[in-house]
Amino acid sequence: MHIQAIKDEVRKLSKAEKAELMHFMIELLSDDDFELSQAWKTELDRREEALDSGVATGKPAKDVIAKYLSR
């Protein structure tokens, strides 16, 4: 199956099905020997410091997903 055919099929899915597929793809990629670039490592360190210092606040994943699914 070609990638365009897959994209066309994904467009037909409900938001909940797309979210489930996204979760699957993230898990699939995390099983790979993926290596973050130095730029991403630096960015993640910056975000972690912002959270730890209280400059930034996080949101529970369930709230973020619910907001996405309500669109």
Protein backbone atom coordinates (compact mmCIF):
# COMPACT_ATOMS: atom_id res chain seq x y z
CA MET A 1 0.00 0.00 0.00
CA HIS A 2 1.34 3.44 -0.89
CA ILE A 3 1.65 6.17 1.73
CA GLN A 4 -0.91 8.38 -0.04
CA ALA A 5 -3.49 5.58 0.15
CA ILE A 6 -2.80 5.26 3.87
CA LYS A 7 -3.18 9.02 4.35
CA ASP A 8 -6.47 8.95 2.46
CA GLU A 9 -7.77 6.18 4.71
CA VAL A 10 -6.63 7.96 7.87
CA ARG A 11 -8.60 11.06 6.84
CA LYS A 12 -11.76 8.93 6.97
CA LEU A 13 -11.23 7.96 10.63
CA SER A 14 -13.05 9.58 13.53
CA LYS A 15 -11.07 11.85 15.86
CA ALA A 16 -10.97 9.11 18.46
CA GLU A 17 -9.64 6.62 15.91
CA LYS A 18 -7.02 9.13 14.74
CA ALA A 19 -5.92 9.68 18.34
CA GLU A 20 -5.61 5.93 18.85
CA LEU A 21 -3.59 5.66 15.65
CA MET A 22 -1.32 8.51 16.74
CA HIS A 23 -0.72 6.76 20.06
CA PHE A 24 0.14 3.55 18.20
CA MET A 25 2.55 5.37 15.90
CA ILE A 26 4.31 7.05 18.82
CA GLU A 27 4.72 3.69 20.55
CA LEU A 28 5.96 2.17 17.30
CA LEU A 29 8.56 4.90 16.89
CA SER A 30 9.65 4.69 20.51
CA ASP A 31 10.55 1.03 19.98
CA ASP A 32 13.08 2.16 17.38
CA ASP A 33 16.67 3.13 18.13
CA PHE A 34 15.65 6.76 17.81
CA GLU A 35 18.22 9.33 18.89
CA LEU A 36 17.27 12.92 19.72
CA SER A 37 19.30 15.68 18.14
CA GLN A 38 21.31 17.94 20.44
CA ALA A 39 18.89 20.79 19.62
CA TRP A 40 15.92 18.73 20.88
CA LYS A 41 17.81 17.64 23.98
CA THR A 42 18.54 21.30 24.72
CA GLU A 43 14.90 22.24 24.16
CA LEU A 44 13.65 19.45 26.41
CA ASP A 45 16.11 20.50 29.13
CA ARG A 46 14.82 24.10 28.84
CA ARG A 47 11.21 22.95 29.14
CA GLU A 48 12.01 20.73 32.11
CA GLU A 49 13.73 23.64 33.87
CA ALA A 50 10.72 25.89 33.16
CA LEU A 51 8.41 23.29 34.71
CA ASP A 52 10.68 22.68 37.69
CA SER A 53 11.05 26.41 38.42
CA GLY A 54 7.33 27.12 38.07
CA VAL A 55 7.76 29.41 35.05
CA ALA A 56 5.64 26.97 33.02
CA THR A 57 2.86 24.62 34.09
CA GLY A 58 1.80 21.35 32.57
CA LYS A 59 -1.63 19.95 31.87
CA PRO A 60 -2.79 16.38 32.45
CA ALA A 61 -2.68 14.32 29.26
CA LYS A 62 -6.35 13.41 29.68
CA ASP A 63 -7.26 17.13 29.53
CA VAL A 64 -5.16 17.73 26.42
CA ILE A 65 -6.63 14.68 24.68
CA ALA A 66 -10.17 15.67 25.66
CA LYS A 67 -9.62 19.14 24.20
CA TYR A 68 -8.34 17.58 20.95
CA LEU A 69 -11.24 15.15 20.73
CA SER A 70 -13.82 17.91 21.34
CA ARG A 71 -12.78 19.81 18.19
